[in-house]
Protein backbone atom coordinates (compact mmCIF):
# COMPACT_ATOMS: atom_id res chain seq x y z
CA UNK A 1 11.95 -10.70 11.23
CA UNK A 2 9.74 -10.07 8.23
CA UNK A 3 11.29 -10.79 4.88
CA UNK A 4 10.08 -10.16 1.37
CA UNK A 5 11.12 -11.81 -1.84
CA UNK A 6 13.22 -9.50 -3.98
CA UNK A 7 14.32 -11.70 -6.86
CA UNK A 8 13.56 -15.15 -8.27
CA UNK A 9 15.58 -18.29 -7.64
CA UNK A 10 18.83 -18.44 -9.52
CA UNK A 11 18.71 -21.42 -11.85
CA UNK A 12 21.46 -23.92 -12.33
CA UNK A 13 22.21 -25.37 -15.76
CA UNK A 14 23.61 -28.56 -14.31
CA UNK A 15 21.96 -31.97 -14.18
CA UNK A 16 22.40 -34.44 -11.32
CA UNK A 17 25.49 -36.60 -11.60
CA UNK A 18 25.77 -40.29 -10.83
CA UNK A 19 28.38 -41.69 -8.50
CA UNK A 20 29.44 -45.32 -8.52
CA UNK A 21 29.96 -45.22 -4.75
CA UNK A 22 27.20 -43.31 -2.94
CA UNK A 23 28.95 -43.08 0.42
CA UNK A 24 32.69 -42.86 -0.21
CA UNK A 25 34.04 -39.54 -1.44
CA UNK A 26 36.97 -39.99 -3.78
CA UNK A 27 38.95 -36.82 -4.21
CA UNK A 28 42.01 -35.78 -6.08
CA UNK A 29 44.10 -32.83 -4.92
CA UNK A 30 41.33 -32.02 -2.41
CA UNK A 31 38.71 -31.54 -5.11
CA UNK A 32 35.71 -33.64 -6.08
CA UNK A 33 33.28 -33.58 -8.99
CA UNK A 34 29.62 -33.51 -7.98
CA UNK A 35 26.65 -32.81 -10.24
CA UNK A 36 29.11 -31.62 -12.87
CA UNK A 37 30.65 -29.08 -10.51
CA UNK A 38 34.14 -29.02 -9.03
CA UNK A 39 34.14 -28.61 -5.27
CA UNK A 40 37.32 -27.84 -3.39
CA UNK A 41 37.47 -29.54 0.00
CA UNK A 42 39.44 -28.36 3.01
CA UNK A 43 40.74 -29.89 6.25
CA UNK A 44 39.10 -33.26 5.77
CA UNK A 45 41.21 -34.77 8.55
CA UNK A 46 40.14 -32.16 11.11
CA UNK A 47 38.59 -33.89 14.12
CA UNK A 48 35.06 -32.64 14.79
CA UNK A 49 34.19 -35.06 17.62
CA UNK A 50 37.34 -35.50 19.77
CA UNK A 51 35.97 -38.30 21.95
CA UNK A 52 34.57 -40.32 19.05
CA UNK A 53 37.43 -39.27 16.73
CA UNK A 54 34.99 -38.39 13.95
CA UNK A 55 36.43 -36.10 11.29
CA UNK A 56 35.09 -33.45 8.96
CA UNK A 57 35.68 -35.88 6.09
CA UNK A 58 33.39 -38.41 7.72
CA UNK A 59 30.67 -35.77 7.97
CA UNK A 60 30.91 -35.18 4.21
CA UNK A 61 30.84 -38.91 3.56
CA UNK A 62 27.73 -39.27 5.75
CA UNK A 63 25.84 -36.58 3.84
CA UNK A 64 27.12 -37.86 0.51
CA UNK A 65 25.72 -41.30 1.33
CA UNK A 66 22.27 -40.17 2.55
CA UNK A 67 21.81 -37.22 0.18
CA UNK A 68 18.90 -38.83 -1.69
CA UNK A 69 17.00 -39.03 1.59
CA UNK A 70 17.65 -35.55 2.95
CA UNK A 71 17.48 -33.47 -0.23
CA UNK A 72 13.66 -33.67 -0.67
CA UNK A 73 13.38 -31.89 2.70
CA UNK A 74 15.84 -29.17 1.68
CA UNK A 75 14.98 -28.34 -1.93
CA UNK A 76 13.76 -24.79 -2.53
CA UNK A 77 13.90 -23.93 1.18
CA UNK A 78 16.05 -21.03 2.39
CA UNK A 79 18.80 -22.29 4.67
CA UNK A 80 19.90 -20.80 7.97
CA UNK A 81 23.54 -21.82 8.13
CA UNK A 82 24.79 -23.08 11.51
CA UNK A 83 28.54 -23.50 11.19
CA UNK A 84 30.89 -25.40 13.49
CA UNK A 85 34.15 -25.25 11.53
CA UNK A 86 36.15 -26.16 14.65
CA UNK A 87 33.95 -29.09 15.61
CA UNK A 88 31.54 -29.63 18.47
CA UNK A 89 33.78 -28.19 21.19
CA UNK A 90 33.18 -24.76 19.68
CA UNK A 91 29.72 -23.16 19.91
CA UNK A 92 29.95 -22.20 16.25
CA UNK A 93 27.92 -19.41 14.70
CA UNK A 94 24.92 -18.71 12.47
CA UNK A 95 24.85 -16.79 9.26
CA UNK A 96 22.29 -16.56 6.50
CA UNK A 97 23.85 -14.66 3.62
CA UNK A 98 25.53 -16.72 0.92
CA UNK A 99 28.00 -13.89 0.37
CA UNK A 100 30.43 -13.53 -2.51
CA UNK A 101 32.37 -16.68 -1.61
CA UNK A 102 29.61 -19.09 -2.66
CA UNK A 103 30.17 -20.65 -6.11
CA UNK A 104 27.98 -19.24 -8.87
CA UNK A 105 26.29 -22.63 -9.31
CA UNK A 106 24.88 -22.49 -5.78
CA UNK A 107 21.24 -21.44 -6.07
CA UNK A 108 20.00 -18.71 -3.78
CA UNK A 109 17.13 -16.33 -3.22
CA UNK A 110 17.26 -12.70 -2.09
CA UNK A 111 14.88 -11.85 0.75
CA UNK A 112 14.57 -8.44 2.32
CA UNK A 113 15.12 -8.39 6.08
CA UNK A 114 13.39 -5.62 7.99
CA UNK A 115 15.52 -6.27 11.07
CA UNK A 116 18.77 -5.64 9.18
CA UNK A 117 17.30 -3.35 6.51
CA UNK A 118 19.03 -5.20 3.70
CA UNK A 119 18.68 -8.10 1.31
CA UNK A 120 19.90 -11.48 2.48
CA UNK A 121 20.95 -14.01 -0.15
CA UNK A 122 19.74 -17.29 1.30
CA UNK A 123 21.28 -20.48 -0.05
CA UNK A 124 18.90 -23.08 -1.47
CA UNK A 125 20.25 -26.59 -1.00
CA UNK A 126 18.84 -28.10 -4.18
CA UNK A 127 21.42 -30.72 -5.04
CA UNK A 128 24.19 -32.88 -3.60
CA UNK A 129 26.91 -30.47 -4.69
CA UNK A 130 25.39 -27.67 -2.62
CA UNK A 131 24.84 -29.98 0.34
CA UNK A 132 28.52 -30.97 0.35
CA UNK A 133 29.52 -27.33 -0.14
CA UNK A 134 27.62 -26.47 3.05
CA UNK A 135 29.19 -29.40 4.89
CA UNK A 136 32.63 -28.20 3.79
CA UNK A 137 31.82 -24.78 5.30
CA UNK A 138 31.41 -26.55 8.64
CA UNK A 139 27.63 -27.00 8.54
CA UNK A 140 27.31 -30.15 10.63
CA UNK A 141 23.59 -29.58 10.92
CA UNK A 142 21.25 -28.37 8.18
CA UNK A 143 18.40 -25.97 9.01
CA UNK A 144 15.72 -25.34 6.36
CA UNK A 145 12.64 -23.14 6.47
CA UNK A 146 9.22 -24.77 6.89
CA UNK A 147 8.13 -23.30 3.55
CA UNK A 148 9.49 -23.30 0.02
CA UNK A 149 10.26 -20.38 -2.27
CA UNK A 150 7.15 -21.15 -4.33
CA UNK A 151 4.96 -20.31 -1.32
CA UNK A 152 7.09 -18.65 1.33
CA UNK A 153 4.12 -17.61 3.48
CA UNK A 154 2.54 -21.09 3.49
CA UNK A 155 4.49 -23.80 5.33
CA UNK A 156 4.38 -27.41 4.22
CA UNK A 157 3.98 -28.55 7.81
CA UNK A 158 3.75 -27.36 11.38
CA UNK A 159 6.03 -28.64 14.09
CA UNK A 160 5.97 -28.93 17.87
CA UNK A 161 9.43 -28.93 19.42
CA UNK A 162 9.43 -30.89 22.69
CA UNK A 163 12.40 -29.29 24.46
CA UNK A 164 13.37 -30.71 27.87
CA UNK A 165 15.37 -29.07 30.63
CA UNK A 166 18.47 -30.70 32.07
CA UNK A 167 16.30 -32.11 34.84
CA UNK A 168 13.83 -33.94 32.60
CA UNK A 169 14.24 -37.54 31.52
CA UNK A 170 13.81 -38.63 27.92
CA UNK A 171 10.96 -40.86 29.09
CA UNK A 172 9.12 -37.66 30.08
CA UNK A 173 9.80 -36.28 26.60
CA UNK A 174 8.28 -39.45 25.16
CA UNK A 175 5.21 -39.10 27.41
CA UNK A 176 4.70 -35.58 26.06
CA UNK A 177 4.94 -36.73 22.46
CA UNK A 178 2.40 -39.48 23.09
CA UNK A 179 -0.06 -37.01 24.61
CA UNK A 180 0.29 -34.84 21.49
CA UNK A 181 -0.27 -37.95 19.36
CA UNK A 182 -3.47 -38.77 21.30
CA UNK A 183 -4.79 -35.23 20.76
CA UNK A 184 -4.00 -35.35 17.04
CA UNK A 185 -5.58 -38.79 16.72
CA UNK A 186 -8.71 -37.40 18.34
CA UNK A 187 -8.65 -34.58 15.79
CA UNK A 188 -8.14 -37.20 13.04
CA UNK A 189 -4.99 -35.44 11.91
CA UNK A 190 -1.93 -37.33 10.72
CA UNK A 191 1.25 -36.78 12.72
CA UNK A 192 4.87 -37.85 12.43
CA UNK A 193 7.63 -37.90 14.99
CA UNK A 194 11.40 -37.58 14.77
CA UNK A 195 14.20 -37.21 17.26
CA UNK A 196 15.65 -33.73 17.42
CA UNK A 197 19.07 -35.33 17.28
CA UNK A 198 19.83 -33.88 20.69
CA UNK A 199 17.62 -34.21 23.78
CA UNK A 200 14.11 -33.70 22.42
CA UNK A 201 11.50 -34.87 19.96
CA UNK A 202 9.76 -33.06 17.10
CA UNK A 203 6.12 -33.77 16.18
CA UNK A 204 5.12 -32.75 12.65
CA UNK A 205 1.70 -32.22 11.10
CA UNK A 206 1.58 -32.06 7.27
CA UNK A 207 -0.25 -29.01 5.92
CA UNK A 208 0.37 -29.22 2.18
CA UNK A 209 0.94 -25.44 2.10
CA UNK A 210 -2.83 -24.96 2.55
CA UNK A 211 -2.46 -22.56 5.49
CA UNK A 212 -0.36 -19.52 6.26
CA UNK A 213 2.10 -19.27 9.14
CA UNK A 214 -0.36 -17.52 11.40
CA UNK A 215 -2.90 -20.33 11.00
CA UNK A 216 -0.24 -23.00 11.48
CA UNK A 217 1.09 -21.34 14.62
CA UNK A 218 -2.41 -20.88 16.07
CA UNK A 219 -3.20 -24.57 15.64
CA UNK A 220 0.20 -25.52 17.07
CA UNK A 221 -0.46 -23.31 20.10
CA UNK A 222 -3.77 -25.08 20.67
CA UNK A 223 -2.07 -28.47 20.52
CA UNK A 224 0.62 -27.33 22.94
CA UNK A 225 -1.98 -25.90 25.34
CA UNK A 226 -4.07 -29.07 25.36
CA UNK A 227 -0.99 -31.21 25.95
CA UNK A 228 0.32 -28.99 28.73
CA UNK A 229 -3.05 -29.16 30.49
CA UNK A 230 -2.68 -32.94 30.64
CA UNK A 231 0.92 -32.78 31.90
CA UNK A 232 1.05 -29.73 34.19
CA UNK A 233 3.79 -31.11 36.44
CA UNK A 234 6.34 -31.87 33.74
CA UNK A 235 5.59 -29.41 30.90
CA UNK A 236 5.27 -25.68 30.35
CA UNK A 237 4.50 -23.14 27.66
CA UNK A 238 6.86 -20.60 29.22
CA UNK A 239 9.43 -19.51 26.67
CA UNK A 240 11.70 -17.87 29.26
CA UNK A 241 14.29 -20.30 30.63
CA UNK A 242 14.04 -18.74 34.07
CA UNK A 243 10.28 -19.42 34.20
CA UNK A 244 10.31 -23.01 32.98
CA UNK A 245 11.27 -24.38 36.40
CA UNK A 246 12.91 -27.54 35.10
CA UNK A 247 9.94 -28.52 32.97
CA UNK A 248 9.68 -29.55 29.33
CA UNK A 249 8.99 -26.63 27.03
CA UNK A 250 6.32 -27.47 24.46
CA UNK A 251 7.49 -25.04 21.81
CA UNK A 252 4.91 -24.01 19.21
CA UNK A 253 6.79 -20.81 18.37
CA UNK A 254 8.82 -22.58 15.68
CA UNK A 255 5.90 -22.00 13.31
CA UNK A 256 6.82 -18.51 12.18
CA UNK A 257 8.19 -17.36 8.85
CA UNK A 258 11.96 -17.73 8.85
CA UNK A 259 12.17 -19.99 11.91
CA UNK A 260 14.21 -23.14 11.38
CA UNK A 261 14.84 -26.50 13.02
CA UNK A 262 17.37 -29.17 12.21
CA UNK A 263 16.20 -31.14 9.19
CA UNK A 264 15.23 -34.75 9.32
CA UNK A 265 18.43 -36.81 8.73
CA UNK A 266 20.59 -33.89 9.87
CA UNK A 267 23.62 -34.56 12.04
CA UNK A 268 23.81 -32.54 15.25
CA UNK A 269 27.00 -31.06 16.76
CA UNK A 270 26.53 -32.91 20.04
CA UNK A 271 28.40 -35.78 21.72
CA UNK A 272 27.81 -39.08 19.97
CA UNK A 273 27.22 -37.51 16.53
CA UNK A 274 23.50 -38.21 16.76
CA UNK A 275 21.12 -37.68 13.85
CA UNK A 276 17.61 -36.23 13.73
CA UNK A 277 15.78 -39.44 12.86
CA UNK A 278 12.15 -40.19 11.88
CA UNK A 279 10.40 -42.77 14.01
CA UNK A 280 7.39 -44.98 13.67
CA UNK A 281 4.95 -44.12 16.42
CA UNK A 282 5.23 -47.67 17.77
CA UNK A 283 8.91 -46.89 18.44
CA UNK A 284 8.03 -43.86 20.55
CA UNK A 285 7.88 -45.57 23.91
CA UNK A 286 9.75 -45.43 27.20
CA UNK A 287 13.24 -46.81 26.92
CA UNK A 288 13.95 -45.22 23.54
CA UNK A 289 17.16 -43.22 23.47
CA UNK A 290 18.11 -40.64 20.80
CA UNK A 291 21.73 -41.78 20.98
CA UNK A 292 20.64 -44.96 19.19
CA UNK A 293 20.51 -42.95 15.96
CA UNK A 294 23.88 -41.57 14.96
CA UNK A 295 26.36 -41.16 12.12
CA UNK A 296 27.25 -44.86 12.31
CA UNK A 297 23.79 -46.43 12.70
CA UNK A 298 21.55 -44.16 10.62
CA UNK A 299 22.71 -45.28 7.15
CA UNK A 300 22.02 -48.92 8.06
CA UNK A 301 18.60 -47.96 9.42
CA UNK A 302 17.76 -46.18 6.16
CA UNK A 303 18.75 -49.28 4.19
CA UNK A 304 16.35 -51.29 6.35
CA UNK A 305 13.29 -49.04 6.81
CA UNK A 306 13.65 -46.38 4.09
CA UNK A 307 12.27 -42.87 4.47
CA UNK A 308 9.62 -42.92 7.21
CA UNK A 309 8.99 -39.18 6.90
CA UNK A 310 7.98 -38.75 3.27
CA UNK A 311 4.25 -38.33 3.99
CA UNK A 312 5.07 -35.08 5.78
CA UNK A 313 5.67 -33.59 2.32
CA UNK A 314 2.74 -35.35 0.63
CA UNK A 315 -0.27 -35.16 2.94
CA UNK A 316 -2.55 -32.23 3.79
CA UNK A 317 -4.51 -31.82 7.00
CA UNK A 318 -7.88 -30.14 7.33
CA UNK A 319 -7.46 -27.90 10.35
CA UNK A 320 -11.04 -26.62 10.31
CA UNK A 321 -12.39 -30.13 10.72
CA UNK A 322 -9.74 -30.87 13.28
CA UNK A 323 -10.88 -27.93 15.40
CA UNK A 324 -14.47 -29.18 15.23
CA UNK A 325 -13.44 -32.65 16.39
CA UNK A 326 -11.55 -31.10 19.28
CA UNK A 327 -14.63 -29.08 20.21
CA UNK A 328 -13.04 -25.72 19.42
CA UNK A 329 -15.07 -23.04 17.67
């Protein structure tokens, strides 16, 4: 889907508010004040994770508490809304258009969609109030674009999605990530790893918006090809599920305009309420389990280690030099 900007970002006149308690939402008559805005909450006692007995209200409290960590990765990025208003036992649904129901203080950008032949008003999650508004819609996970509205055709990073089949072990996923790390080290390119929050891992390369999506995807395809050549028995570049033959899909196709992945620090609507969590490379070793990082443990981890992913938004790789070091013309 090719989309074109039709109008500038809608500006908000509000300034960030300060809460005495960063993690506990105090509401009166099912409304809260955030960033100077009044947000009406609904069904806070609804159980989203039946086995774990985790409620919608706890999801809002999680995002309220970690908002300062996740918002830098969301600001000025169009959001693809994945909604699970009935919890994780329901597949949920995607939608992109903010629609008329969104409060007027929610910033958005209109992009023309060739596939639907109409403008889509994408929400921009630029403050805590908007984040909690999305959570209240049933957005357990948050899915931003790789690029910002200031340079929609130039992503801030590229990402390789290491996506296992049901037959692969997580140790095999880890092996794949480490092979990608070795290739990127050889290219003298910085790389950062996070759990997907489900069964895989994501490897990011910061680009500093220096390259367009085509260039980012081409480099990602090279990385995926080199890794797959080293792990032919356990990995594949086949996108079709029927052709993967129980192998790990090294997905470089996420590097296209409008494609989205779950954000770092995003909850996932999967058993255990796991969170997409940044890792130090020394942690990426056999025995690691993504279930270690969840709605209960992630806030404590952030208090201890801080934001391990911030260089993804600050650094810039030189892909031309990287290609030379890898011996590619």
